[in-house]
Amino acid sequence: MIREVNLVSYLPPFMAEYKEITAALEAENPELTLVWKAADRVLRNEFIETADAYGLSRFEKMLQILPSTEDTLESRRARVQARWFNRIPYTLRILYEKLEALCGASNFTITEDYPHYRIEIQTCLELFGQVEELERIVGGMLPCNMAADLENKILCGAKGAALTAGGVCTLETFTITNDFKERFIVNGDNAVGSGVVMSEVIEIK
């Protein structure tokens, strides 16, 4: 938390009346504000959850991670968290903890099929590089005689209505002449309607 620097408030009341002293201290307030901001940044960069780009770069250097140019700050943070919290031996509980660090508490499901030496993991990862990090975690933790089926789904919810309209125009030509006499009687209603319903399913693999 950055303090609001006001050096004049630390002066005794009788000294605060001197304009020379107060002016000098007020001129130093911006410098002390920069110091507090720098100290606050150092404190935040000590933790992965609150680190900025510079702080994450220090963690990535320690973990030998080379971020991509397409990585966002949050995708880099998720990758660092997944590799930082690494404990041995690897158990199912440890796997759950690492997936929670990468995906979140409710963005994945694990289905065990131990009689057939298989495990299924379904995730909803959207950030760049998270799927590759998931493959690295599973490949490093699962035994060599166990197969893993990984499925990542990005759910896109669409709501709303698509309205279409159409119209029909009719034209009748009547010729009025004295050559013959005929009568035309037109009765009834003419109603035209149309509708379009479209459903599209896009599967991205």
N, C-alpha and C. Protein backbone atom coordinates (compact mmCIF):
# COMPACT_ATOMS: atom_id res chain seq x y z
N MET A 1 0.84 -1.19 0.00
CA MET A 1 0.00 0.00 0.00
C MET A 1 0.88 1.24 0.00
N ILE A 2 0.67 2.15 -0.95
CA ILE A 2 1.48 3.34 -1.09
C ILE A 2 0.95 4.43 -0.16
N ARG A 3 1.85 4.98 0.61
CA ARG A 3 1.46 6.04 1.54
C ARG A 3 1.30 7.36 0.81
N GLU A 4 0.47 8.22 1.41
CA GLU A 4 0.36 9.60 0.93
C GLU A 4 1.41 10.43 1.69
N VAL A 5 2.44 10.83 0.99
CA VAL A 5 3.59 11.48 1.63
C VAL A 5 3.25 12.95 1.88
N ASN A 6 3.43 13.37 3.12
CA ASN A 6 3.26 14.77 3.51
C ASN A 6 4.25 15.07 4.63
N LEU A 7 5.44 15.53 4.25
CA LEU A 7 6.49 15.76 5.23
C LEU A 7 6.17 16.92 6.16
N VAL A 8 5.36 17.85 5.69
CA VAL A 8 5.04 19.01 6.53
C VAL A 8 4.26 18.59 7.76
N SER A 9 3.50 17.51 7.66
CA SER A 9 2.70 17.06 8.80
C SER A 9 3.56 16.57 9.96
N TYR A 10 4.84 16.28 9.70
CA TYR A 10 5.73 15.82 10.77
C TYR A 10 6.39 16.99 11.51
N LEU A 11 6.21 18.20 11.05
CA LEU A 11 6.83 19.35 11.71
C LEU A 11 6.05 19.75 12.96
N PRO A 12 6.74 20.26 13.97
CA PRO A 12 6.03 20.85 15.11
C PRO A 12 5.24 22.08 14.64
N PRO A 13 4.15 22.40 15.29
CA PRO A 13 3.31 23.51 14.83
C PRO A 13 4.06 24.83 14.69
N PHE A 14 4.99 25.11 15.59
CA PHE A 14 5.68 26.41 15.52
C PHE A 14 6.64 26.49 14.34
N MET A 15 7.13 25.33 13.85
CA MET A 15 8.03 25.34 12.69
C MET A 15 7.26 25.33 11.37
N ALA A 16 6.04 24.81 11.41
CA ALA A 16 5.23 24.78 10.19
C ALA A 16 4.84 26.17 9.73
N GLU A 17 5.01 27.18 10.59
CA GLU A 17 4.66 28.54 10.20
C GLU A 17 5.72 29.16 9.29
N TYR A 18 6.92 28.61 9.22
CA TYR A 18 7.98 29.16 8.39
C TYR A 18 7.81 28.63 6.95
N LYS A 19 7.63 29.57 6.03
CA LYS A 19 7.37 29.19 4.65
C LYS A 19 8.58 28.53 3.99
N GLU A 20 9.78 28.94 4.40
CA GLU A 20 10.97 28.35 3.79
C GLU A 20 11.05 26.85 4.07
N ILE A 21 10.75 26.47 5.31
CA ILE A 21 10.84 25.06 5.69
C ILE A 21 9.74 24.25 5.01
N THR A 22 8.51 24.77 5.05
CA THR A 22 7.39 24.04 4.43
C THR A 22 7.58 23.90 2.93
N ALA A 23 8.10 24.94 2.28
CA ALA A 23 8.32 24.86 0.83
C ALA A 23 9.37 23.82 0.49
N ALA A 24 10.42 23.74 1.31
CA ALA A 24 11.46 22.74 1.05
C ALA A 24 10.94 21.32 1.22
N LEU A 25 10.13 21.12 2.27
CA LEU A 25 9.58 19.78 2.50
C LEU A 25 8.56 19.39 1.44
N GLU A 26 7.74 20.36 1.02
CA GLU A 26 6.75 20.05 -0.03
C GLU A 26 7.44 19.72 -1.35
N ALA A 27 8.60 20.29 -1.58
CA ALA A 27 9.35 19.96 -2.80
C ALA A 27 9.92 18.55 -2.75
N GLU A 28 10.12 18.03 -1.54
CA GLU A 28 10.65 16.69 -1.39
C GLU A 28 9.56 15.61 -1.39
N ASN A 29 8.30 16.00 -1.28
CA ASN A 29 7.20 15.02 -1.26
C ASN A 29 7.17 14.12 -2.50
N PRO A 30 7.31 14.68 -3.73
CA PRO A 30 7.29 13.78 -4.91
C PRO A 30 8.42 12.76 -4.90
N GLU A 31 9.59 13.14 -4.39
CA GLU A 31 10.70 12.18 -4.35
C GLU A 31 10.41 11.04 -3.39
N LEU A 32 9.84 11.38 -2.22
CA LEU A 32 9.49 10.32 -1.27
C LEU A 32 8.36 9.45 -1.79
N THR A 33 7.45 10.04 -2.60
CA THR A 33 6.39 9.24 -3.22
C THR A 33 6.98 8.20 -4.16
N LEU A 34 7.99 8.58 -4.94
CA LEU A 34 8.66 7.62 -5.83
C LEU A 34 9.33 6.50 -5.03
N VAL A 35 9.90 6.86 -3.89
CA VAL A 35 10.55 5.84 -3.05
C VAL A 35 9.52 4.84 -2.55
N TRP A 36 8.36 5.34 -2.09
CA TRP A 36 7.31 4.44 -1.60
C TRP A 36 6.77 3.55 -2.71
N LYS A 37 6.63 4.12 -3.91
CA LYS A 37 6.15 3.30 -5.04
C LYS A 37 7.16 2.20 -5.36
N ALA A 38 8.44 2.54 -5.33
CA ALA A 38 9.47 1.53 -5.61
C ALA A 38 9.47 0.44 -4.54
N ALA A 39 9.31 0.85 -3.27
CA ALA A 39 9.26 -0.15 -2.20
C ALA A 39 8.02 -1.04 -2.32
N ASP A 40 6.90 -0.44 -2.70
CA ASP A 40 5.68 -1.23 -2.88
C ASP A 40 5.83 -2.21 -4.05
N ARG A 41 6.52 -1.79 -5.11
CA ARG A 41 6.73 -2.68 -6.24
C ARG A 41 7.62 -3.86 -5.86
N VAL A 42 8.66 -3.58 -5.07
CA VAL A 42 9.52 -4.67 -4.60
C VAL A 42 8.74 -5.67 -3.77
N LEU A 43 7.85 -5.17 -2.91
CA LEU A 43 7.04 -6.07 -2.08
C LEU A 43 6.11 -6.91 -2.94
N ARG A 44 5.47 -6.31 -3.93
CA ARG A 44 4.55 -7.06 -4.79
C ARG A 44 5.27 -8.10 -5.64
N ASN A 45 6.48 -7.78 -6.06
CA ASN A 45 7.22 -8.71 -6.91
C ASN A 45 7.81 -9.88 -6.14
N GLU A 46 7.66 -9.90 -4.83
CA GLU A 46 8.09 -11.06 -4.06
C GLU A 46 7.11 -12.22 -4.16
N PHE A 47 5.91 -11.96 -4.67
CA PHE A 47 4.87 -12.98 -4.74
C PHE A 47 4.41 -13.13 -6.19
N ILE A 48 4.21 -14.37 -6.62
CA ILE A 48 3.81 -14.64 -8.00
C ILE A 48 2.44 -14.05 -8.29
N GLU A 49 1.55 -14.09 -7.33
CA GLU A 49 0.17 -13.64 -7.55
C GLU A 49 0.08 -12.16 -7.85
N THR A 50 1.00 -11.35 -7.30
CA THR A 50 0.93 -9.90 -7.47
C THR A 50 2.09 -9.34 -8.28
N ALA A 51 2.95 -10.18 -8.81
CA ALA A 51 4.13 -9.68 -9.53
C ALA A 51 3.73 -9.06 -10.86
N ASP A 52 4.47 -8.05 -11.26
CA ASP A 52 4.26 -7.43 -12.57
C ASP A 52 5.16 -8.12 -13.60
N ALA A 53 5.28 -7.52 -14.78
CA ALA A 53 6.06 -8.15 -15.85
C ALA A 53 7.52 -8.35 -15.45
N TYR A 54 8.08 -7.35 -14.76
CA TYR A 54 9.48 -7.49 -14.34
C TYR A 54 9.63 -8.59 -13.29
N GLY A 55 8.72 -8.63 -12.31
CA GLY A 55 8.80 -9.67 -11.29
C GLY A 55 8.62 -11.06 -11.86
N LEU A 56 7.69 -11.22 -12.81
CA LEU A 56 7.51 -12.53 -13.43
C LEU A 56 8.74 -12.93 -14.25
N SER A 57 9.40 -11.96 -14.86
CA SER A 57 10.61 -12.30 -15.62
C SER A 57 11.70 -12.85 -14.71
N ARG A 58 11.77 -12.39 -13.47
CA ARG A 58 12.75 -12.93 -12.52
C ARG A 58 12.42 -14.38 -12.14
N PHE A 59 11.13 -14.65 -11.91
CA PHE A 59 10.71 -16.02 -11.62
C PHE A 59 10.98 -16.92 -12.83
N GLU A 60 10.68 -16.43 -14.03
CA GLU A 60 10.90 -17.22 -15.24
C GLU A 60 12.38 -17.52 -15.44
N LYS A 61 13.24 -16.59 -15.08
CA LYS A 61 14.68 -16.84 -15.21
C LYS A 61 15.13 -17.94 -14.26
N MET A 62 14.59 -17.94 -13.04
CA MET A 62 14.95 -18.99 -12.08
C MET A 62 14.43 -20.35 -12.52
N LEU A 63 13.25 -20.37 -13.16
CA LEU A 63 12.66 -21.64 -13.59
C LEU A 63 13.05 -22.02 -15.01
N GLN A 64 13.87 -21.20 -15.65
CA GLN A 64 14.33 -21.45 -17.02
C GLN A 64 13.15 -21.54 -17.99
N ILE A 65 12.26 -20.57 -17.89
CA ILE A 65 11.10 -20.48 -18.77
C ILE A 65 11.35 -19.37 -19.77
N LEU A 66 11.11 -19.65 -21.04
CA LEU A 66 11.24 -18.66 -22.09
C LEU A 66 9.84 -18.30 -22.58
N PRO A 67 9.31 -17.15 -22.18
CA PRO A 67 7.96 -16.79 -22.60
C PRO A 67 7.90 -16.48 -24.09
N SER A 68 6.73 -16.70 -24.67
CA SER A 68 6.51 -16.39 -26.08
C SER A 68 6.05 -14.95 -26.22
N THR A 69 6.21 -14.42 -27.42
CA THR A 69 5.74 -13.06 -27.68
C THR A 69 4.22 -12.96 -27.63
N GLU A 70 3.53 -14.08 -27.78
CA GLU A 70 2.07 -14.09 -27.72
C GLU A 70 1.54 -14.29 -26.31
N ASP A 71 2.42 -14.51 -25.36
CA ASP A 71 2.00 -14.70 -23.97
C ASP A 71 1.46 -13.39 -23.40
N THR A 72 0.41 -13.52 -22.59
CA THR A 72 -0.08 -12.39 -21.82
C THR A 72 0.50 -12.47 -20.41
N LEU A 73 0.27 -11.43 -19.64
CA LEU A 73 0.80 -11.42 -18.27
C LEU A 73 0.18 -12.55 -17.45
N GLU A 74 -1.12 -12.81 -17.64
CA GLU A 74 -1.80 -13.85 -16.86
C GLU A 74 -1.38 -15.24 -17.30
N SER A 75 -1.14 -15.45 -18.58
CA SER A 75 -0.67 -16.77 -19.02
C SER A 75 0.73 -17.05 -18.49
N ARG A 76 1.57 -16.04 -18.44
CA ARG A 76 2.91 -16.21 -17.85
C ARG A 76 2.81 -16.50 -16.36
N ARG A 77 1.88 -15.82 -15.68
CA ARG A 77 1.71 -16.05 -14.25
C ARG A 77 1.24 -17.48 -13.99
N ALA A 78 0.29 -17.97 -14.80
CA ALA A 78 -0.21 -19.33 -14.61
C ALA A 78 0.89 -20.36 -14.84
N ARG A 79 1.77 -20.13 -15.82
CA ARG A 79 2.85 -21.07 -16.09
C ARG A 79 3.86 -21.08 -14.96
N VAL A 80 4.18 -19.91 -14.43
CA VAL A 80 5.13 -19.84 -13.32
C VAL A 80 4.58 -20.53 -12.09
N GLN A 81 3.29 -20.32 -11.79
CA GLN A 81 2.68 -20.97 -10.63
C GLN A 81 2.68 -22.48 -10.79
N ALA A 82 2.42 -22.96 -12.00
CA ALA A 82 2.37 -24.41 -12.21
C ALA A 82 3.73 -25.05 -11.99
N ARG A 83 4.81 -24.36 -12.34
CA ARG A 83 6.15 -24.95 -12.18
C ARG A 83 6.77 -24.65 -10.82
N TRP A 84 6.34 -23.59 -10.18
CA TRP A 84 6.95 -23.22 -8.90
C TRP A 84 6.55 -24.17 -7.79
N PHE A 85 5.24 -24.52 -7.77
CA PHE A 85 4.75 -25.41 -6.71
C PHE A 85 4.92 -26.85 -7.16
N ASN A 86 6.10 -27.36 -6.97
CA ASN A 86 6.46 -28.70 -7.43
C ASN A 86 6.95 -29.51 -6.25
N ARG A 87 6.16 -30.51 -5.88
CA ARG A 87 6.51 -31.34 -4.73
C ARG A 87 6.56 -32.81 -5.12
N ILE A 88 7.47 -33.53 -4.52
CA ILE A 88 7.63 -34.96 -4.74
C ILE A 88 7.34 -35.67 -3.42
N PRO A 89 6.71 -36.84 -3.40
CA PRO A 89 6.34 -37.68 -4.54
C PRO A 89 5.07 -37.17 -5.22
N TYR A 90 4.90 -37.60 -6.48
CA TYR A 90 3.73 -37.21 -7.25
C TYR A 90 2.57 -38.14 -6.89
N THR A 91 1.52 -37.57 -6.36
CA THR A 91 0.31 -38.32 -6.01
C THR A 91 -0.87 -37.66 -6.71
N LEU A 92 -2.02 -38.28 -6.59
CA LEU A 92 -3.22 -37.71 -7.20
C LEU A 92 -3.57 -36.38 -6.56
N ARG A 93 -3.34 -36.26 -5.27
CA ARG A 93 -3.62 -34.99 -4.59
C ARG A 93 -2.69 -33.89 -5.09
N ILE A 94 -1.43 -34.22 -5.32
CA ILE A 94 -0.49 -33.23 -5.85
C ILE A 94 -0.89 -32.83 -7.27
N LEU A 95 -1.38 -33.80 -8.06
CA LEU A 95 -1.84 -33.49 -9.41
C LEU A 95 -3.02 -32.53 -9.37
N TYR A 96 -3.95 -32.77 -8.42
CA TYR A 96 -5.08 -31.85 -8.26
C TYR A 96 -4.58 -30.45 -7.91
N GLU A 97 -3.61 -30.37 -7.03
CA GLU A 97 -3.11 -29.05 -6.63
C GLU A 97 -2.46 -28.32 -7.79
N LYS A 98 -1.70 -29.03 -8.62
CA LYS A 98 -1.05 -28.38 -9.75
C LYS A 98 -2.07 -27.96 -10.80
N LEU A 99 -3.10 -28.76 -10.99
CA LEU A 99 -4.13 -28.38 -11.95
C LEU A 99 -4.95 -27.20 -11.44
N GLU A 100 -5.15 -27.14 -10.13
CA GLU A 100 -5.84 -25.97 -9.57
C GLU A 100 -5.02 -24.71 -9.77
N ALA A 101 -3.70 -24.82 -9.63
CA ALA A 101 -2.85 -23.66 -9.84
C ALA A 101 -2.86 -23.21 -11.30
N LEU A 102 -3.01 -24.14 -12.22
CA LEU A 102 -3.00 -23.81 -13.64
C LEU A 102 -4.38 -23.42 -14.16
N CYS A 103 -5.40 -24.19 -13.78
CA CYS A 103 -6.73 -24.02 -14.36
C CYS A 103 -7.70 -23.26 -13.47
N GLY A 104 -7.47 -23.29 -12.18
CA GLY A 104 -8.49 -22.77 -11.28
C GLY A 104 -9.18 -23.93 -10.58
N ALA A 105 -9.92 -23.64 -9.54
CA ALA A 105 -10.50 -24.70 -8.71
C ALA A 105 -11.59 -25.48 -9.42
N SER A 106 -12.32 -24.88 -10.34
CA SER A 106 -13.49 -25.55 -10.92
C SER A 106 -13.43 -25.63 -12.44
N ASN A 107 -12.27 -25.49 -13.04
CA ASN A 107 -12.17 -25.49 -14.50
C ASN A 107 -11.59 -26.79 -15.04
N PHE A 108 -11.66 -27.87 -14.27
CA PHE A 108 -11.15 -29.14 -14.77
C PHE A 108 -11.84 -30.28 -14.04
N THR A 109 -11.86 -31.44 -14.69
CA THR A 109 -12.38 -32.67 -14.09
C THR A 109 -11.42 -33.81 -14.43
N ILE A 110 -11.27 -34.71 -13.48
CA ILE A 110 -10.39 -35.87 -13.66
C ILE A 110 -11.22 -37.13 -13.50
N THR A 111 -11.12 -38.02 -14.47
CA THR A 111 -11.81 -39.31 -14.43
C THR A 111 -10.77 -40.42 -14.43
N GLU A 112 -10.74 -41.20 -13.35
CA GLU A 112 -9.75 -42.26 -13.25
C GLU A 112 -10.29 -43.58 -13.79
N ASP A 113 -9.47 -44.27 -14.52
CA ASP A 113 -9.77 -45.61 -15.02
C ASP A 113 -8.55 -46.48 -14.75
N TYR A 114 -8.33 -46.75 -13.45
CA TYR A 114 -7.12 -47.45 -13.05
C TYR A 114 -7.05 -48.89 -13.56
N PRO A 115 -8.18 -49.64 -13.65
CA PRO A 115 -8.05 -51.02 -14.18
C PRO A 115 -7.47 -51.06 -15.59
N HIS A 116 -7.71 -50.00 -16.39
CA HIS A 116 -7.18 -49.97 -17.75
C HIS A 116 -5.98 -49.02 -17.86
N TYR A 117 -5.46 -48.59 -16.73
CA TYR A 117 -4.28 -47.73 -16.70
C TYR A 117 -4.48 -46.48 -17.57
N ARG A 118 -5.61 -45.82 -17.36
CA ARG A 118 -5.92 -44.61 -18.11
C ARG A 118 -6.46 -43.55 -17.15
N ILE A 119 -6.31 -42.32 -17.56
CA ILE A 119 -6.86 -41.20 -16.81
C ILE A 119 -7.31 -40.15 -17.82
N GLU A 120 -8.48 -39.58 -17.58
CA GLU A 120 -9.03 -38.57 -18.48
C GLU A 120 -9.10 -37.24 -17.73
N ILE A 121 -8.63 -36.20 -18.40
CA ILE A 121 -8.63 -34.87 -17.82
C ILE A 121 -9.31 -33.93 -18.80
N GLN A 122 -10.34 -33.27 -18.34
CA GLN A 122 -11.06 -32.28 -19.15
C GLN A 122 -10.83 -30.91 -18.53
N THR A 123 -10.45 -29.95 -19.37
CA THR A 123 -10.14 -28.61 -18.89
C THR A 123 -10.88 -27.58 -19.74
N CYS A 124 -10.88 -26.35 -19.25
CA CYS A 124 -11.44 -25.20 -19.98
C CYS A 124 -10.40 -24.08 -19.96
N LEU A 125 -9.30 -24.31 -20.66
CA LEU A 125 -8.20 -23.35 -20.68
C LEU A 125 -8.34 -22.43 -21.87
N GLU A 126 -8.19 -21.13 -21.64
CA GLU A 126 -8.35 -20.14 -22.70
C GLU A 126 -7.09 -19.33 -22.96
N LEU A 127 -6.18 -19.25 -21.99
CA LEU A 127 -4.99 -18.43 -22.15
C LEU A 127 -3.96 -19.13 -23.02
N PHE A 128 -3.16 -18.33 -23.69
CA PHE A 128 -2.13 -18.88 -24.57
C PHE A 128 -1.07 -19.63 -23.76
N GLY A 129 -0.70 -20.82 -24.22
CA GLY A 129 0.35 -21.60 -23.59
C GLY A 129 -0.10 -22.49 -22.45
N GLN A 130 -1.37 -22.38 -22.02
CA GLN A 130 -1.82 -23.20 -20.90
C GLN A 130 -1.95 -24.67 -21.27
N VAL A 131 -2.38 -24.95 -22.48
CA VAL A 131 -2.53 -26.35 -22.90
C VAL A 131 -1.15 -27.02 -22.96
N GLU A 132 -0.15 -26.31 -23.48
CA GLU A 132 1.19 -26.88 -23.53
C GLU A 132 1.73 -27.11 -22.12
N GLU A 133 1.43 -26.21 -21.20
CA GLU A 133 1.87 -26.40 -19.83
C GLU A 133 1.16 -27.58 -19.18
N LEU A 134 -0.13 -27.78 -19.51
CA LEU A 134 -0.86 -28.94 -19.01
C LEU A 134 -0.23 -30.24 -19.50
N GLU A 135 0.14 -30.29 -20.76
CA GLU A 135 0.79 -31.48 -21.30
C GLU A 135 2.12 -31.74 -20.60
N ARG A 136 2.85 -30.68 -20.28
CA ARG A 136 4.13 -30.85 -19.60
C ARG A 136 3.93 -31.39 -18.18
N ILE A 137 2.89 -30.89 -17.48
CA ILE A 137 2.62 -31.36 -16.12
C ILE A 137 2.23 -32.83 -16.12
N VAL A 138 1.29 -33.19 -16.99
CA VAL A 138 0.81 -34.57 -17.03
C VAL A 138 1.91 -35.51 -17.49
N GLY A 139 2.68 -35.10 -18.49
CA GLY A 139 3.77 -35.95 -18.98
C GLY A 139 4.85 -36.17 -17.95
N GLY A 140 5.06 -35.22 -17.05
CA GLY A 140 6.10 -35.37 -16.04
C GLY A 140 5.66 -36.07 -14.78
N MET A 141 4.34 -36.09 -14.50
CA MET A 141 3.86 -36.64 -13.24
C MET A 141 3.30 -38.04 -13.38
N LEU A 142 2.67 -38.38 -14.51
CA LEU A 142 2.04 -39.69 -14.64
C LEU A 142 3.08 -40.79 -14.85
N PRO A 143 2.81 -41.98 -14.32
CA PRO A 143 3.72 -43.11 -14.57
C PRO A 143 3.78 -43.45 -16.04
N CYS A 144 4.87 -44.08 -16.44
CA CYS A 144 5.06 -44.40 -17.85
C CYS A 144 4.07 -45.45 -18.36
N ASN A 145 3.51 -46.27 -17.46
CA ASN A 145 2.57 -47.30 -17.90
C ASN A 145 1.13 -46.83 -17.86
N MET A 146 0.89 -45.54 -17.71
CA MET A 146 -0.47 -45.00 -17.66
C MET A 146 -0.66 -44.01 -18.79
N ALA A 147 -1.77 -44.14 -19.50
CA ALA A 147 -2.09 -43.25 -20.61
C ALA A 147 -3.02 -42.14 -20.12
N ALA A 148 -2.90 -40.99 -20.71
CA ALA A 148 -3.70 -39.84 -20.32
C ALA A 148 -4.43 -39.30 -21.54
N ASP A 149 -5.73 -39.10 -21.41
CA ASP A 149 -6.54 -38.48 -22.45
C ASP A 149 -6.87 -37.06 -22.00
N LEU A 150 -6.33 -36.08 -22.71
CA LEU A 150 -6.53 -34.68 -22.37
C LEU A 150 -7.51 -34.06 -23.36
N GLU A 151 -8.49 -33.37 -22.83
CA GLU A 151 -9.48 -32.70 -23.67
C GLU A 151 -9.71 -31.30 -23.12
N ASN A 152 -9.49 -30.33 -23.97
CA ASN A 152 -9.69 -28.93 -23.57
C ASN A 152 -10.86 -28.35 -24.36
N LYS A 153 -11.82 -27.80 -23.64
CA LYS A 153 -13.00 -27.22 -24.25
C LYS A 153 -13.06 -25.74 -23.92
N ILE A 154 -13.26 -24.94 -24.95
CA ILE A 154 -13.48 -23.51 -24.77
C ILE A 154 -14.95 -23.25 -25.05
N LEU A 155 -15.69 -22.97 -24.00
CA LEU A 155 -17.13 -22.79 -24.11
C LEU A 155 -17.43 -21.36 -24.53
N CYS A 156 -18.19 -21.25 -25.59
CA CYS A 156 -18.59 -19.93 -26.10
C CYS A 156 -20.11 -19.84 -26.03
N GLY A 157 -20.61 -19.09 -25.08
CA GLY A 157 -22.05 -18.92 -24.94
C GLY A 157 -22.53 -17.75 -25.77
N ALA A 158 -23.52 -17.99 -26.62
CA ALA A 158 -24.08 -16.93 -27.46
C ALA A 158 -25.55 -16.77 -27.17
N LYS A 159 -25.95 -15.55 -26.90
CA LYS A 159 -27.36 -15.25 -26.64
C LYS A 159 -27.81 -14.10 -27.53
N GLY A 160 -29.09 -14.12 -27.86
CA GLY A 160 -29.63 -13.04 -28.68
C GLY A 160 -30.54 -13.58 -29.75
N ALA A 161 -30.95 -12.73 -30.63
CA ALA A 161 -31.87 -13.11 -31.70
C ALA A 161 -31.38 -12.51 -33.01
N ALA A 162 -31.56 -13.28 -34.07
CA ALA A 162 -31.24 -12.81 -35.42
C ALA A 162 -32.55 -12.68 -36.18
N LEU A 163 -32.88 -11.47 -36.52
CA LEU A 163 -34.16 -11.18 -37.16
C LEU A 163 -33.95 -10.95 -38.65
N THR A 164 -34.82 -11.59 -39.45
CA THR A 164 -34.80 -11.40 -40.90
C THR A 164 -36.20 -11.01 -41.35
N ALA A 165 -36.25 -10.29 -42.41
CA ALA A 165 -37.54 -9.84 -42.94
C ALA A 165 -37.53 -9.94 -44.46
N GLY A 166 -38.67 -10.18 -45.01
CA GLY A 166 -38.80 -10.27 -46.47
C GLY A 166 -40.11 -9.63 -46.92
N GLY A 167 -40.15 -9.30 -48.14
CA GLY A 167 -41.35 -8.65 -48.68
C GLY A 167 -41.64 -9.12 -50.09
N VAL A 168 -42.90 -9.09 -50.47
CA VAL A 168 -43.34 -9.50 -51.81
C VAL A 168 -44.13 -8.34 -52.42
N CYS A 169 -43.77 -7.99 -53.61
CA CYS A 169 -44.46 -6.90 -54.31
C CYS A 169 -45.12 -7.49 -55.56
N THR A 170 -46.39 -7.23 -55.73
CA THR A 170 -47.14 -7.72 -56.91
C THR A 170 -47.58 -6.54 -57.76
N LEU A 171 -47.61 -6.74 -59.03
CA LEU A 171 -48.00 -5.70 -59.98
C LEU A 171 -48.99 -6.27 -60.96
N GLU A 172 -50.13 -5.64 -61.09
CA GLU A 172 -51.16 -6.06 -62.04
C GLU A 172 -51.43 -4.91 -63.01
N THR A 173 -51.55 -5.25 -64.25
CA THR A 173 -51.82 -4.26 -65.32
C THR A 173 -53.22 -4.51 -65.87
N PHE A 174 -54.03 -3.50 -65.88
CA PHE A 174 -55.40 -3.57 -66.41
C PHE A 174 -55.50 -2.67 -67.65
N THR A 175 -56.05 -3.23 -68.66
CA THR A 175 -56.28 -2.47 -69.91
C THR A 175 -57.76 -2.15 -70.03
N ILE A 176 -58.07 -0.90 -70.16
CA ILE A 176 -59.46 -0.45 -70.28
C ILE A 176 -59.75 -0.16 -71.76
N THR A 177 -60.69 -0.88 -72.31
CA THR A 177 -61.03 -0.73 -73.73
C THR A 177 -62.52 -0.97 -73.93
N ASN A 178 -63.04 -0.55 -75.07
CA ASN A 178 -64.45 -0.76 -75.42
C ASN A 178 -64.65 -1.96 -76.31
N ASP A 179 -63.57 -2.70 -76.63
CA ASP A 179 -63.69 -3.82 -77.55
C ASP A 179 -64.46 -4.99 -76.94
N PHE A 180 -64.37 -5.18 -75.66
CA PHE A 180 -65.11 -6.27 -75.03
C PHE A 180 -65.45 -5.84 -73.61
N LYS A 181 -66.42 -6.50 -73.09
CA LYS A 181 -66.90 -6.19 -71.75
C LYS A 181 -66.76 -7.42 -70.86
N GLU A 182 -65.90 -7.30 -69.85
CA GLU A 182 -65.71 -8.39 -68.89
C GLU A 182 -65.59 -7.79 -67.49
N ARG A 183 -65.99 -8.58 -66.54
CA ARG A 183 -65.93 -8.14 -65.15
C ARG A 183 -65.01 -9.08 -64.36
N PHE A 184 -64.12 -8.48 -63.53
CA PHE A 184 -63.20 -9.26 -62.69
C PHE A 184 -63.49 -8.94 -61.23
N ILE A 185 -63.72 -9.96 -60.46
CA ILE A 185 -63.96 -9.79 -59.02
C ILE A 185 -62.86 -10.54 -58.26
N VAL A 186 -62.15 -9.80 -57.42
CA VAL A 186 -61.05 -10.38 -56.65
C VAL A 186 -61.40 -10.31 -55.18
N ASN A 187 -61.50 -11.46 -54.53
CA ASN A 187 -61.81 -11.52 -53.09
C ASN A 187 -60.76 -12.38 -52.40
N GLY A 188 -60.57 -12.13 -51.11
CA GLY A 188 -59.65 -12.97 -50.32
C GLY A 188 -58.48 -12.16 -49.79
N ASP A 189 -57.64 -12.86 -49.02
CA ASP A 189 -56.46 -12.25 -48.40
C ASP A 189 -55.19 -12.87 -48.98
N ASN A 190 -54.18 -12.08 -49.03
CA ASN A 190 -52.88 -12.54 -49.51
C ASN A 190 -51.85 -12.30 -48.39
N ALA A 191 -51.41 -13.36 -47.75
CA ALA A 191 -50.46 -13.24 -46.64
C ALA A 191 -49.22 -14.05 -46.97
N VAL A 192 -48.09 -13.44 -46.82
CA VAL A 192 -46.81 -14.08 -47.12
C VAL A 192 -45.91 -13.96 -45.89
N GLY A 193 -45.34 -15.04 -45.47
CA GLY A 193 -44.43 -15.01 -44.32
C GLY A 193 -43.27 -15.96 -44.56
N SER A 194 -42.20 -15.67 -43.92
CA SER A 194 -41.01 -16.52 -44.06
C SER A 194 -40.21 -16.44 -42.77
N GLY A 195 -39.42 -17.44 -42.52
CA GLY A 195 -38.56 -17.47 -41.33
C GLY A 195 -37.35 -18.34 -41.59
N VAL A 196 -36.27 -18.00 -40.92
CA VAL A 196 -35.01 -18.75 -41.07
C VAL A 196 -34.50 -19.09 -39.68
N VAL A 197 -34.24 -20.34 -39.43
CA VAL A 197 -33.65 -20.79 -38.17
C VAL A 197 -32.33 -21.46 -38.51
N MET A 198 -31.27 -20.98 -37.92
CA MET A 198 -29.95 -21.52 -38.22
C MET A 198 -29.23 -21.84 -36.92
N SER A 199 -28.65 -23.01 -36.85
CA SER A 199 -27.86 -23.42 -35.69
C SER A 199 -26.51 -23.91 -36.19
N GLU A 200 -25.46 -23.43 -35.58
CA GLU A 200 -24.11 -23.78 -36.01
C GLU A 200 -23.29 -24.22 -34.82
N VAL A 201 -22.62 -25.32 -34.93
CA VAL A 201 -21.74 -25.87 -33.90
C VAL A 201 -20.32 -25.86 -34.43
N ILE A 202 -19.44 -25.18 -33.74
CA ILE A 202 -18.04 -25.07 -34.13
C ILE A 202 -17.20 -25.82 -33.12
N GLU A 203 -16.45 -26.76 -33.53
CA GLU A 203 -15.56 -27.52 -32.66
C GLU A 203 -14.12 -27.20 -33.02
N ILE A 204 -13.40 -26.70 -32.02
CA ILE A 204 -12.00 -26.32 -32.23
C ILE A 204 -11.12 -27.32 -31.49
N LYS A 205 -10.22 -27.92 -32.20
CA LYS A 205 -9.30 -28.89 -31.61
C LYS A 205 -7.88 -28.42 -31.89
